[in-house]
PDB file of N, CA and C in Angstrom:
ATOM      1  N   MET A   1      13.231  -6.349  -9.398  1.00  0.00           N
ATOM      2  CA  MET A   1      13.782  -5.121  -8.898  1.00  0.00           C
ATOM      3  C   MET A   1      14.758  -4.870  -9.835  1.00  0.00           C
ATOM      4  N   ASN A   2      14.619  -3.785 -10.598  1.00  0.00           N
ATOM      5  CA  ASN A   2      15.641  -2.947 -11.732  1.00  0.00           C
ATOM      6  C   ASN A   2      16.850  -2.216 -11.433  1.00  0.00           C
ATOM      7  N   LEU A   3      17.952  -2.881 -11.538  1.00  0.00           N
ATOM      8  CA  LEU A   3      19.549  -2.539 -10.914  1.00  0.00           C
ATOM      9  C   LEU A   3      20.126  -2.179 -12.055  1.00  0.00           C
ATOM     10  N   SER A   4      20.915  -1.238 -11.899  1.00  0.00           N
ATOM     11  CA  SER A   4      22.495  -1.135 -12.996  1.00  0.00           C
ATOM     12  C   SER A   4      23.251  -2.069 -13.171  1.00  0.00           C
ATOM     13  N   HIS A   5      23.761  -2.161 -14.164  1.00  0.00           N
ATOM     14  CA  HIS A   5      24.766  -3.301 -14.392  1.00  0.00           C
ATOM     15  C   HIS A   5      25.852  -2.970 -13.111  1.00  0.00           C
ATOM     16  N   HIS A   6      25.790  -1.779 -12.887  1.00  0.00           N
ATOM     17  CA  HIS A   6      27.303  -1.914 -11.984  1.00  0.00           C
ATOM     18  C   HIS A   6      26.573  -2.306 -10.771  1.00  0.00           C
ATOM     19  N   HIS A   7      25.721  -1.895 -10.148  1.00  0.00           N
ATOM     20  CA  HIS A   7      24.829  -2.523  -9.010  1.00  0.00           C
ATOM     21  C   HIS A   7      24.814  -4.057  -8.772  1.00  0.00           C
ATOM     22  N   GLN A   8      24.188  -4.463 -10.356  1.00  0.00           N
ATOM     23  CA  GLN A   8      24.285  -6.025 -10.470  1.00  0.00           C
ATOM     24  C   GLN A   8      25.397  -6.622 -10.199  1.00  0.00           C
ATOM     25  N   ASN A   9      26.698  -6.375 -10.771  1.00  0.00           N
ATOM     26  CA  ASN A   9      28.173  -6.793 -10.754  1.00  0.00           C
ATOM     27  C   ASN A   9      28.335  -6.991  -9.201  1.00  0.00           C
ATOM     28  N   GLN A  10      28.121  -5.552  -8.588  1.00  0.00           N
ATOM     29  CA  GLN A  10      28.545  -5.048  -7.187  1.00  0.00           C
ATOM     30  C   GLN A  10      27.840  -6.622  -6.610  1.00  0.00           C
ATOM     31  N   LEU A  11      26.737  -6.626  -6.345  1.00  0.00           N
ATOM     32  CA  LEU A  11      25.674  -7.684  -5.490  1.00  0.00           C
ATOM     33  C   LEU A  11      26.522  -8.883  -5.976  1.00  0.00           C
ATOM     34  N   HIS A  12      26.708  -9.504  -7.381  1.00  0.00           N
ATOM     35  CA  HIS A  12      27.139 -10.748  -7.425  1.00  0.00           C
ATOM     36  C   HIS A  12      28.515 -10.801  -6.840  1.00  0.00           C
ATOM     37  N   LEU A  13      29.601 -10.287  -6.984  1.00  0.00           N
ATOM     38  CA  LEU A  13      30.701  -9.952  -6.323  1.00  0.00           C
ATOM     39  C   LEU A  13      30.689 -10.206  -4.572  1.00  0.00           C
ATOM     40  N   ILE A  14      29.759  -9.662  -4.048  1.00  0.00           N
ATOM     41  CA  ILE A  14      29.474  -9.679  -2.886  1.00  0.00           C
ATOM     42  C   ILE A  14      28.754 -11.505  -2.410  1.00  0.00           C
ATOM     43  N   GLN A  15      27.904 -11.688  -3.515  1.00  0.00           N
ATOM     44  CA  GLN A  15      27.553 -13.115  -3.218  1.00  0.00           C
ATOM     45  C   GLN A  15      28.279 -14.263  -3.214  1.00  0.00           C
ATOM     46  N   ALA A  16      29.571 -14.153  -4.176  1.00  0.00           N
ATOM     47  CA  ALA A  16      30.613 -14.653  -4.727  1.00  0.00           C
ATOM     48  C   ALA A  16      31.565 -14.975  -3.275  1.00  0.00           C
ATOM     49  N   GLY A  17      31.476 -13.557  -2.804  1.00  0.00           N
ATOM     50  CA  GLY A  17      32.497 -13.726  -1.457  1.00  0.00           C
ATOM     51  C   GLY A  17      31.976 -14.491  -0.574  1.00  0.00           C
ATOM     52  N   LEU A  18      30.669 -14.221  -0.231  1.00  0.00           N
ATOM     53  CA  LEU A  18      29.864 -15.434   0.809  1.00  0.00           C
ATOM     54  C   LEU A  18      29.669 -16.635   0.852  1.00  0.00           C
ATOM     55  N   ARG A  19      29.546 -16.843  -0.503  1.00  0.00           N
ATOM     56  CA  ARG A  19      30.119 -18.297  -0.937  1.00  0.00           C
ATOM     57  C   ARG A  19      31.005 -18.958  -0.668  1.00  0.00           C
ATOM     58  N   ARG A  20      32.209 -18.354  -0.704  1.00  0.00           N
ATOM     59  CA  ARG A  20      33.454 -18.842  -0.413  1.00  0.00           C
ATOM     60  C   ARG A  20      33.792 -18.954   1.008  1.00  0.00           C
ATOM     61  N   SER A  21      33.492 -17.652   1.786  1.00  0.00           N
ATOM     62  CA  SER A  21      33.683 -17.582   3.474  1.00  0.00           C
ATOM     63  C   SER A  21      32.839 -18.268   3.652  1.00  0.00           C
ATOM     64  N   ASP A  22      31.712 -19.025   3.741  1.00  0.00           N
ATOM     65  CA  ASP A  22      30.817 -19.802   4.359  1.00  0.00           C
ATOM     66  C   ASP A  22      30.014 -20.656   3.342  1.00  0.00           C
ATOM     67  N   PRO A  23      30.630 -21.724   3.264  1.00  0.00           N
ATOM     68  CA  PRO A  23      30.003 -22.617   2.467  1.00  0.00           C
ATOM     69  C   PRO A  23      28.507 -23.370   2.804  1.00  0.00           C
ATOM     70  N   GLN A  24      28.723 -23.545   4.349  1.00  0.00           N
ATOM     71  CA  GLN A  24      27.158 -23.535   5.046  1.00  0.00           C
ATOM     72  C   GLN A  24      25.743 -22.754   4.562  1.00  0.00           C
ATOM     73  N   LEU A  25      26.194 -21.541   4.489  1.00  0.00           N
ATOM     74  CA  LEU A  25      25.260 -20.203   4.262  1.00  0.00           C
ATOM     75  C   LEU A  25      25.011 -20.549   2.505  1.00  0.00           C
ATOM     76  N   ALA A  26      25.820 -20.743   1.839  1.00  0.00           N
ATOM     77  CA  ALA A  26      25.924 -21.017   0.560  1.00  0.00           C
ATOM     78  C   ALA A  26      24.895 -22.234   0.365  1.00  0.00           C
ATOM     79  N   ALA A  27      25.149 -23.283   0.921  1.00  0.00           N
ATOM     80  CA  ALA A  27      23.956 -24.365   0.537  1.00  0.00           C
ATOM     81  C   ALA A  27      22.678 -24.041   1.138  1.00  0.00           C
ATOM     82  N   ARG A  28      22.721 -23.392   2.058  1.00  0.00           N
ATOM     83  CA  ARG A  28      20.981 -22.936   2.676  1.00  0.00           C
ATOM     84  C   ARG A  28      20.391 -22.280   2.119  1.00  0.00           C
ATOM     85  N   ARG A  29      21.214 -21.295   1.288  1.00  0.00           N
ATOM     86  CA  ARG A  29      20.865 -20.209   0.273  1.00  0.00           C
ATOM     87  C   ARG A  29      20.380 -21.153  -1.280  1.00  0.00           C
ATOM     88  N   SER A  30      21.283 -21.753  -1.291  1.00  0.00           N
ATOM     89  CA  SER A  30      20.594 -22.599  -2.795  1.00  0.00           C
ATOM     90  C   SER A  30      19.500 -23.039  -2.406  1.00  0.00           C
ATOM     91  N   MET A  31      19.041 -24.054  -1.273  1.00  0.00           N
ATOM     92  CA  MET A  31      18.492 -24.715  -0.862  1.00  0.00           C
ATOM     93  C   MET A  31      16.855 -24.074  -0.654  1.00  0.00           C
ATOM     94  N   LEU A  32      16.986 -22.640   0.003  1.00  0.00           N
ATOM     95  CA  LEU A  32      16.005 -21.770  -0.083  1.00  0.00           C
ATOM     96  C   LEU A  32      15.460 -21.138  -1.763  1.00  0.00           C
ATOM     97  N   GLY A  33      16.313 -20.955  -2.143  1.00  0.00           N
ATOM     98  CA  GLY A  33      16.205 -20.404  -3.517  1.00  0.00           C
ATOM     99  C   GLY A  33      15.428 -21.599  -4.802  1.00  0.00           C
ATOM    100  N   SER A  34      15.870 -22.501  -4.207  1.00  0.00           N
ATOM    101  CA  SER A  34      15.067 -23.590  -5.066  1.00  0.00           C
ATOM    102  C   SER A  34      13.879 -23.658  -4.907  1.00  0.00           C
ATOM    103  N   LEU A  35      13.556 -23.382  -3.246  1.00  0.00           N
ATOM    104  CA  LEU A  35      12.254 -23.808  -2.740  1.00  0.00           C
ATOM    105  C   LEU A  35      11.191 -22.921  -3.235  1.00  0.00           C
ATOM    106  N   ALA A  36      12.022 -21.308  -3.214  1.00  0.00           N
ATOM    107  CA  ALA A  36      11.225 -20.316  -3.628  1.00  0.00           C
ATOM    108  C   ALA A  36      11.060 -19.854  -4.995  1.00  0.00           C
ATOM    109  N   ASP A  37      12.018 -20.768  -5.904  1.00  0.00           N
ATOM    110  CA  ASP A  37      11.661 -20.309  -7.042  1.00  0.00           C
ATOM    111  C   ASP A  37      10.594 -20.646  -7.972  1.00  0.00           C
ATOM    112  N   GLY A  38       9.997 -19.317  -8.829  1.00  0.00           N
ATOM    113  CA  GLY A  38       8.711 -19.790  -9.617  1.00  0.00           C
ATOM    114  C   GLY A  38       7.502 -19.139  -8.957  1.00  0.00           C
ATOM    115  N   GLN A  39       7.775 -18.343  -7.494  1.00  0.00           N
ATOM    116  CA  GLN A  39       6.812 -17.744  -6.349  1.00  0.00           C
ATOM    117  C   GLN A  39       6.614 -16.634  -6.619  1.00  0.00           C
ATOM    118  N   ALA A  40       5.575 -15.965  -6.682  1.00  0.00           N
ATOM    119  CA  ALA A  40       5.755 -14.622  -6.432  1.00  0.00           C
ATOM    120  C   ALA A  40       5.845 -13.683  -5.193  1.00  0.00           C
ATOM    121  N   MET A  41       6.697 -12.202  -5.332  1.00  0.00           N
ATOM    122  CA  MET A  41       6.921 -12.123  -4.055  1.00  0.00           C
ATOM    123  C   MET A  41       5.635 -11.509  -3.734  1.00  0.00           C
ATOM    124  N   PRO A  42       5.341 -11.544  -1.968  1.00  0.00           N
ATOM    125  CA  PRO A  42       4.363 -10.840  -1.386  1.00  0.00           C
ATOM    126  C   PRO A  42       4.145  -9.739  -1.587  1.00  0.00           C
ATOM    127  N   ALA A  43       2.871  -9.185  -2.180  1.00  0.00           N
ATOM    128  CA  ALA A  43       2.591  -7.383  -2.220  1.00  0.00           C
ATOM    129  C   ALA A  43       2.989  -6.904  -1.081  1.00  0.00           C
ATOM    130  N   TRP A  44       2.918  -7.338   0.187  1.00  0.00           N
ATOM    131  CA  TRP A  44       3.603  -6.121   1.109  1.00  0.00           C
ATOM    132  C   TRP A  44       4.866  -6.417   0.737  1.00  0.00           C
ATOM    133  N   GLU A  45       5.501  -6.932   0.800  1.00  0.00           N
ATOM    134  CA  GLU A  45       7.155  -7.014   0.314  1.00  0.00           C
ATOM    135  C   GLU A  45       7.771  -6.280  -0.715  1.00  0.00           C
ATOM    136  N   GLN A  46       6.876  -5.839  -1.695  1.00  0.00           N
ATOM    137  CA  GLN A  46       7.414  -5.339  -3.101  1.00  0.00           C
ATOM    138  C   GLN A  46       7.511  -3.823  -2.603  1.00  0.00           C
ATOM    139  N   VAL A  47       8.230  -3.139  -3.272  1.00  0.00           N
ATOM    140  CA  VAL A  47       8.718  -1.619  -3.440  1.00  0.00           C
ATOM    141  C   VAL A  47       7.928  -1.202  -4.524  1.00  0.00           C
ATOM    142  N   SER A  48       6.997  -0.264  -4.481  1.00  0.00           N
ATOM    143  CA  SER A  48       6.237   0.496  -4.934  1.00  0.00           C
ATOM    144  C   SER A  48       7.599   1.198  -6.020  1.00  0.00           C
ATOM    145  N   SER A  49       6.956   1.312  -7.332  1.00  0.00           N
ATOM    146  CA  SER A  49       7.578   2.393  -8.228  1.00  0.00           C
ATOM    147  C   SER A  49       7.613   3.599  -7.932  1.00  0.00           C
ATOM    148  N   ARG A  50       8.155   4.000  -8.480  1.00  0.00           N
ATOM    149  CA  ARG A  50       7.771   5.783  -8.503  1.00  0.00           C
ATOM    150  C   ARG A  50       6.703   6.151  -9.191  1.00  0.00           C
ATOM    151  N   HIS A  51       6.315   5.560 -10.155  1.00  0.00           N
ATOM    152  CA  HIS A  51       4.775   5.943 -10.753  1.00  0.00           C
ATOM    153  C   HIS A  51       3.662   5.512  -9.897  1.00  0.00           C
ATOM    154  N   ASP A  52       3.922   4.180  -9.031  1.00  0.00           N
ATOM    155  CA  ASP A  52       2.723   4.044  -8.194  1.00  0.00           C
ATOM    156  C   ASP A  52       2.601   4.819  -6.953  1.00  0.00           C
ATOM    157  N   ARG A  53       3.708   5.371  -7.026  1.00  0.00           N
ATOM    158  CA  ARG A  53       3.808   6.473  -5.592  1.00  0.00           C
ATOM    159  C   ARG A  53       2.915   7.577  -5.657  1.00  0.00           C
ATOM    160  N   ILE A  54       3.246   8.349  -7.281  1.00  0.00           N
ATOM    161  CA  ILE A  54       3.073   9.291  -7.993  1.00  0.00           C
ATOM    162  C   ILE A  54       1.451   9.340  -7.797  1.00  0.00           C
ATOM    163  N   ARG A  55       1.050   8.061  -8.598  1.00  0.00           N
ATOM    164  CA  ARG A  55      -0.545   7.973  -8.516  1.00  0.00           C
ATOM    165  C   ARG A  55      -1.168   7.563  -7.421  1.00  0.00           C
ATOM    166  N   GLN A  56      -0.572   7.211  -6.171  1.00  0.00           N
ATOM    167  CA  GLN A  56      -1.481   7.294  -4.980  1.00  0.00           C
ATOM    168  C   GLN A  56      -1.469   8.252  -4.413  1.00  0.00           C
ATOM    169  N   ALA A  57      -0.418   9.139  -4.524  1.00  0.00           N
ATOM    170  CA  ALA A  57      -0.440  10.973  -4.159  1.00  0.00           C
ATOM    171  C   ALA A  57      -1.640  11.395  -4.765  1.00  0.00           C
ATOM    172  N   ALA A  58      -1.760  11.563  -6.042  1.00  0.00           N
ATOM    173  CA  ALA A  58      -2.798  11.825  -6.968  1.00  0.00           C
ATOM    174  C   ALA A  58      -3.614  11.795  -6.519  1.00  0.00           C
ATOM    175  N   VAL A  59      -4.398  10.422  -6.453  1.00  0.00           N
ATOM    176  CA  VAL A  59      -5.536  10.157  -5.761  1.00  0.00           C
ATOM    177  C   VAL A  59      -5.596  10.625  -4.438  1.00  0.00           C
ATOM    178  N   VAL A  60      -4.850  10.771  -3.237  1.00  0.00           N
ATOM    179  CA  VAL A  60      -5.295  11.068  -1.914  1.00  0.00           C
ATOM    180  C   VAL A  60      -5.253  12.868  -2.296  1.00  0.00           C
ATOM    181  N   ILE A  61      -4.968  13.552  -2.704  1.00  0.00           N
ATOM    182  CA  ILE A  61      -4.356  14.697  -3.577  1.00  0.00           C
ATOM    183  C   ILE A  61      -6.606  15.045  -4.006  1.00  0.00           C
ATOM    184  N   ALA A  62      -6.257  14.277  -4.774  1.00  0.00           N
ATOM    185  CA  ALA A  62      -7.900  14.694  -5.370  1.00  0.00           C
ATOM    186  C   ALA A  62      -9.126  14.168  -4.435  1.00  0.00           C
ATOM    187  N   GLU A  63      -8.978  12.969  -3.382  1.00  0.00           N
ATOM    188  CA  GLU A  63      -9.975  12.887  -2.416  1.00  0.00           C
ATOM    189  C   GLU A  63     -10.194  13.852  -1.601  1.00  0.00           C
ATOM    190  N   THR A  64      -8.534  14.362  -1.351  1.00  0.00           N
ATOM    191  CA  THR A  64      -8.478  15.827   0.074  1.00  0.00           C
ATOM    192  C   THR A  64      -8.987  16.872  -0.778  1.00  0.00           C
ATOM    193  N   ILE A  65      -9.410  16.987  -1.748  1.00  0.00           N
ATOM    194  CA  ILE A  65      -9.570  18.428  -2.387  1.00  0.00           C
ATOM    195  C   ILE A  65     -11.092  18.368  -2.715  1.00  0.00           C
ATOM    196  N   SER A  66     -11.851  16.941  -3.091  1.00  0.00           N
ATOM    197  CA  SER A  66     -13.004  16.958  -2.757  1.00  0.00           C
ATOM    198  C   SER A  66     -13.818  16.994  -1.798  1.00  0.00           C
ATOM    199  N   VAL A  67     -13.272  16.592  -0.491  1.00  0.00           N
ATOM    200  CA  VAL A  67     -13.737  16.840   0.900  1.00  0.00           C
ATOM    201  C   VAL A  67     -13.516  18.181   1.351  1.00  0.00           C
ATOM    202  N   VAL A  68     -12.672  19.077   0.938  1.00  0.00           N
ATOM    203  CA  VAL A  68     -12.778  20.446   1.396  1.00  0.00           C
ATOM    204  C   VAL A  68     -14.082  20.991   0.911  1.00  0.00           C
ATOM    205  N   VAL A  69     -14.178  20.520  -0.630  1.00  0.00           N
ATOM    206  CA  VAL A  69     -15.168  21.274  -1.314  1.00  0.00           C
ATOM    207  C   VAL A  69     -16.347  21.081  -1.008  1.00  0.00           C
ATOM    208  N   ALA A  70     -16.492  19.848  -0.773  1.00  0.00           N
ATOM    209  CA  ALA A  70     -18.053  19.485   0.168  1.00  0.00           C
ATOM    210  C   ALA A  70     -17.953  20.203   1.490  1.00  0.00           C
ATOM    211  N   ALA A  71     -16.994  20.437   2.231  1.00  0.00           N
ATOM    212  CA  ALA A  71     -16.929  21.003   3.440  1.00  0.00           C
ATOM    213  C   ALA A  71     -17.388  22.642   3.322  1.00  0.00           C
ATOM    214  N   ILE A  72     -16.640  23.186   2.409  1.00  0.00           N
ATOM    215  CA  ILE A  72     -16.863  24.761   1.967  1.00  0.00           C
ATOM    216  C   ILE A  72     -18.291  24.761   1.460  1.00  0.00           C
ATOM    217  N   PHE A  73     -18.719  23.829   0.941  1.00  0.00           N
ATOM    218  CA  PHE A  73     -20.865  23.880   0.001  1.00  0.00           C
ATOM    219  C   PHE A  73     -21.151  24.079   1.106  1.00  0.00           C
ATOM    220  N   ILE A  74     -21.042  23.102   2.432  1.00  0.00           N
ATOM    221  CA  ILE A  74     -21.594  22.653   3.451  1.00  0.00           C
ATOM    222  C   ILE A  74     -21.864  24.023   4.313  1.00  0.00           C
ATOM    223  N   PHE A  75     -20.908  24.527   4.554  1.00  0.00           N
ATOM    224  CA  PHE A  75     -20.647  25.657   5.280  1.00  0.00           C
ATOM    225  C   PHE A  75     -21.429  26.814   4.335  1.00  0.00           C
ATOM    226  N   LEU A  76     -21.179  27.263   3.355  1.00  0.00           N
ATOM    227  CA  LEU A  76     -21.480  28.497   2.771  1.00  0.00           C
ATOM    228  C   LEU A  76     -23.469  28.273   2.758  1.00  0.00           C
ATOM    229  N   ARG A  77     -23.949  26.920   2.577  1.00  0.00           N
ATOM    230  CA  ARG A  77     -25.030  27.051   2.638  1.00  0.00           C
ATOM    231  C   ARG A  77     -26.042  27.225   3.959  1.00  0.00           C
ATOM    232  N   ALA A  78     -24.997  26.948   5.155  1.00  0.00           N
ATOM    233  CA  ALA A  78     -25.270  27.042   6.566  1.00  0.00           C
ATOM    234  C   ALA A  78     -25.329  28.780   6.495  1.00  0.00           C
ATOM    235  N   VAL A  79     -24.373  29.753   6.237  1.00  0.00           N
ATOM    236  CA  VAL A  79     -24.323  30.521   6.121  1.00  0.00           C
ATOM    237  C   VAL A  79     -25.817  31.439   5.565  1.00  0.00           C
ATOM    238  N   LEU A  80     -25.733  31.200   4.163  1.00  0.00           N
ATOM    239  CA  LEU A  80     -26.801  31.497   3.711  1.00  0.00           C
ATOM    240  C   LEU A  80     -28.363  31.392   4.174  1.00  0.00           C
ATOM    241  N   ALA A  81     -28.348  30.111   5.049  1.00  0.00           N
ATOM    242  CA  ALA A  81     -29.602  30.009   5.700  1.00  0.00           C
ATOM    243  C   ALA A  81     -29.643  30.411   6.740  1.00  0.00           C
ATOM    244  N   LEU A  82     -28.548  30.968   7.766  1.00  0.00           N
ATOM    245  CA  LEU A  82     -28.522  31.649   8.608  1.00  0.00           C
ATOM    246  C   LEU A  82     -28.981  33.105   8.362  1.00  0.00           C
ATOM    247  N   VAL A  83     -28.286  33.848   7.224  1.00  0.00           N
ATOM    248  CA  VAL A  83     -28.760  35.091   6.674  1.00  0.00           C
ATOM    249  C   VAL A  83     -29.993  35.426   6.382  1.00  0.00           C
ATOM    250  N   ALA A  84     -30.649  34.270   5.957  1.00  0.00           N
ATOM    251  CA  ALA A  84     -31.869  34.474   5.250  1.00  0.00           C
ATOM    252  C   ALA A  84     -32.763  34.357   6.259  1.00  0.00           C
ATOM    253  N   ALA A  85     -32.420  33.439   7.439  1.00  0.00           N
ATOM    254  CA  ALA A  85     -33.223  33.792   8.610  1.00  0.00           C
ATOM    255  C   ALA A  85     -33.410  34.949   9.058  1.00  0.00           C
ATOM    256  N   LEU A  86     -32.178  35.771   9.366  1.00  0.00           N
ATOM    257  CA  LEU A  86     -31.981  36.928   9.753  1.00  0.00           C
ATOM    258  C   LEU A  86     -32.240  38.234   9.662  1.00  0.00           C
ATOM    259  N   VAL A  87     -32.265  38.673   7.899  1.00  0.00           N
ATOM    260  CA  VAL A  87     -32.595  39.539   7.417  1.00  0.00           C
ATOM    261  C   VAL A  87     -34.409  39.589   7.024  1.00  0.00           C
ATOM    262  N   PRO A  88     -34.936  40.577   7.627  1.00  0.00           N
ATOM    263  CA  PRO A  88     -36.123  40.768   7.123  1.00  0.00           C
ATOM    264  C   PRO A  88     -36.137  40.910   5.743  1.00  0.00           C
ATOM    265  N   GLY A  89     -37.325  40.530   5.221  1.00  0.00           N
ATOM    266  CA  GLY A  89     -37.792  40.329   4.163  1.00  0.00           C
ATOM    267  C   GLY A  89     -36.989  39.616   3.434  1.00  0.00           C
ATOM    268  N   GLY A  90     -36.425  38.583   4.079  1.00  0.00           N
ATOM    269  CA  GLY A  90     -35.647  37.284   3.193  1.00  0.00           C
ATOM    270  C   GLY A  90     -36.998  36.602   2.658  1.00  0.00           C
ATOM    271  N   ARG A  91     -35.859  35.153   2.376  1.00  0.00           N
ATOM    272  CA  ARG A  91     -36.824  34.464   2.148  1.00  0.00           C
ATOM    273  C   ARG A  91     -37.496  33.782   3.276  1.00  0.00           C
ATOM    274  N   ALA A  92     -36.827  33.468   4.660  1.00  0.00           N
ATOM    275  CA  ALA A  92     -37.355  32.663   5.434  1.00  0.00           C
ATOM    276  C   ALA A  92     -38.051  34.066   6.402  1.00  0.00           C
ATOM    277  N   ARG A  93     -39.884  33.416   6.350  1.00  0.00           N
ATOM    278  CA  ARG A  93     -41.010  34.472   6.672  1.00  0.00           C
ATOM    279  C   ARG A  93     -41.691  33.176   7.727  1.00  0.00           C
ATOM    280  N   SER A  94     -42.252  34.306   8.440  1.00  0.00           N
ATOM    281  CA  SER A  94     -43.157  32.869   9.784  1.00  0.00           C
ATOM    282  C   SER A  94     -44.227  32.597   9.082  1.00  0.00           C
ATOM    283  N   SER A  95     -44.768  32.028   9.371  1.00  0.00           N
ATOM    284  CA  SER A  95     -45.984  30.974   8.664  1.00  0.00           C
ATOM    285  C   SER A  95     -47.080  32.071   8.784  1.00  0.00           C
ATOM    286  N   ALA A  96     -47.369  33.173   9.646  1.00  0.00           N
ATOM    287  CA  ALA A  96     -48.233  33.983   9.172  1.00  0.00           C
ATOM    288  C   ALA A  96     -47.850  35.004   8.227  1.00  0.00           C
ATOM    289  N   GLN A  97     -46.791  35.304   7.694  1.00  0.00           N
ATOM    290  CA  GLN A  97     -46.799  36.120   7.161  1.00  0.00           C
ATOM    291  C   GLN A  97     -47.008  35.121   5.283  1.00  0.00           C
ATOM    292  N   ARG A  98     -46.966  33.902   5.251  1.00  0.00           N
ATOM    293  CA  ARG A  98     -46.832  33.151   4.387  1.00  0.00           C
ATOM    294  C   ARG A  98     -48.111  33.057   3.518  1.00  0.00           C
ATOM    295  N   ARG A  99     -49.477  33.043   4.434  1.00  0.00           N
ATOM    296  CA  ARG A  99     -50.739  32.969   4.538  1.00  0.00           C
ATOM    297  C   ARG A  99     -51.123  34.399   3.593  1.00  0.00           C
ATOM    298  N   GLU A 100     -51.781  34.342   2.326  1.00  0.00           N
ATOM    299  CA  GLU A 100     -52.552  35.340   1.536  1.00  0.00           C
ATOM    300  C   GLU A 100     -53.351  36.021   2.980  1.00  0.00           C
ATOM    301  N   PRO A 101     -53.162  37.663   2.140  1.00  0.00           N
ATOM    302  CA  PRO A 101     -54.571  37.950   3.028  1.00  0.00           C
ATOM    303  C   PRO A 101     -55.585  37.566   2.658  1.00  0.00           C
ATOM    304  N   ALA A 102     -56.625  38.088   3.578  1.00  0.00           N
ATOM    305  CA  ALA A 102     -58.128  37.720   3.423  1.00  0.00           C
ATOM    306  C   ALA A 102     -58.521  38.738   2.138  1.00  0.00           C
ATOM    307  N   ARG A 103     -59.283  37.984   1.311  1.00  0.00           N
ATOM    308  CA  ARG A 103     -59.664  38.832   0.200  1.00  0.00           C
ATOM    309  C   ARG A 103     -61.280  39.142   0.989  1.00  0.00           C
ATOM    310  N   PRO A 104     -61.244  40.739   0.672  1.00  0.00           N
ATOM    311  CA  PRO A 104     -62.773  41.311   0.703  1.00  0.00           C
ATOM    312  C   PRO A 104     -63.794  40.503   0.161  1.00  0.00           C
ATOM    313  N   ARG A 105     -64.719  40.387   0.573  1.00  0.00           N
ATOM    314  CA  ARG A 105     -65.891  40.138   0.162  1.00  0.00           C
ATOM    315  C   ARG A 105     -66.831  41.067  -0.362  1.00  0.00           C
ATOM    316  N   PRO A 106     -67.537  40.569  -1.589  1.00  0.00           N
ATOM    317  CA  PRO A 106     -68.084  41.613  -2.298  1.00  0.00           C
ATOM    318  C   PRO A 106     -69.612  41.816  -1.438  1.00  0.00           C
ATOM    319  N   ARG A 107     -69.932  43.197  -1.331  1.00  0.00           N
ATOM    320  CA  ARG A 107     -70.884  43.446  -0.515  1.00  0.00           C
ATOM    321  C   ARG A 107     -72.390  43.037  -1.033  1.00  0.00           C
ATOM    322  N   THR A 108     -73.136  42.509  -0.309  1.00  0.00           N
ATOM    323  CA  THR A 108     -74.587  41.958  -0.664  1.00  0.00           C
ATOM    324  C   THR A 108     -75.700  42.970  -0.398  1.00  0.00           C
ATOM    325  N   GLY A 109     -75.197  44.134   0.356  1.00  0.00           N
ATOM    326  CA  GLY A 109     -76.105  44.831   0.623  1.00  0.00           C
ATOM    327  C   GLY A 109     -77.006  44.355   2.078  1.00  0.00           C
ATOM    328  N   ARG A 110     -76.616  42.748   2.464  1.00  0.00           N
ATOM    329  CA  ARG A 110     -77.109  42.528   4.018  1.00  0.00           C
ATOM    330  C   ARG A 110     -76.709  43.200   5.205  1.00  0.00           C
ATOM    331  N   PRO A 111     -76.737  42.843   6.134  1.00  0.00           N
ATOM    332  CA  PRO A 111     -76.176  43.604   7.410  1.00  0.00           C
ATOM    333  C   PRO A 111     -74.961  41.888   7.673  1.00  0.00           C
ATOM    334  N   ALA A 112     -74.059  42.297   7.759  1.00  0.00           N
ATOM    335  CA  ALA A 112     -73.283  41.304   8.461  1.00  0.00           C
ATOM    336  C   ALA A 112     -73.512  40.536   9.491  1.00  0.00           C
ATOM    337  N   ARG A 113     -73.613  38.796   9.629  1.00  0.00           N
ATOM    338  CA  ARG A 113     -73.671  38.033  10.773  1.00  0.00           C
ATOM    339  C   ARG A 113     -73.054  38.614  11.761  1.00  0.00           C
ATOM    340  N   PRO A 114     -73.687  38.258  13.025  1.00  0.00           N
ATOM    341  CA  PRO A 114     -72.665  38.192  14.264  1.00  0.00           C
ATOM    342  C   PRO A 114     -71.958  37.063  13.979  1.00  0.00           C
ATOM    343  N   GLY A 115     -70.513  37.610  14.721  1.00  0.00           N
ATOM    344  CA  GLY A 115     -69.740  36.308  14.700  1.00  0.00           C
ATOM    345  C   GLY A 115     -68.751  36.581  13.919  1.00  0.00           C
ATOM    346  N   GLY A 116     -68.808  37.513  12.379  1.00  0.00           N
ATOM    347  CA  GLY A 116     -68.005  37.610  11.387  1.00  0.00           C
ATOM    348  C   GLY A 116     -68.123  36.787  10.074  1.00  0.00           C
ATOM    349  N   GLN A 117     -69.505  35.971  10.797  1.00  0.00           N
ATOM    350  CA  GLN A 117     -69.510  35.078   9.310  1.00  0.00           C
ATOM    351  C   GLN A 117     -70.635  35.978   8.029  1.00  0.00           C
ATOM    352  N   GLY A 118     -70.473  35.687   7.366  1.00  0.00           N
ATOM    353  CA  GLY A 118     -71.346  36.060   5.981  1.00  0.00           C
ATOM    354  C   GLY A 118     -71.286  37.564   5.589  1.00  0.00           C
TER     355      GLY A 118
END
């Protein structure tokens, strides 16, 4: 943790006062300090820096924007599909309208067969 010189001096004065007022506490603190010396502080106990918090906030904002854009895109596609289905002459036509009309056969001079063949 980065502290200013003034704050470090204040903490040193508090530490010296505690050592003088309770020698047993000072001995326990010294023993605990020697046991934990050289060990890294667990990540869940560390305080993130301002830069880390800004970066995390930027990531959350970017993810939120991408989700909102995707939701708007899906909504617009649904609206366009609904409009296309409701508007006559639009893209959505019934299956009967999709088929090409039957082409007339050339006349051969023969009479048509009963039942529509030929």
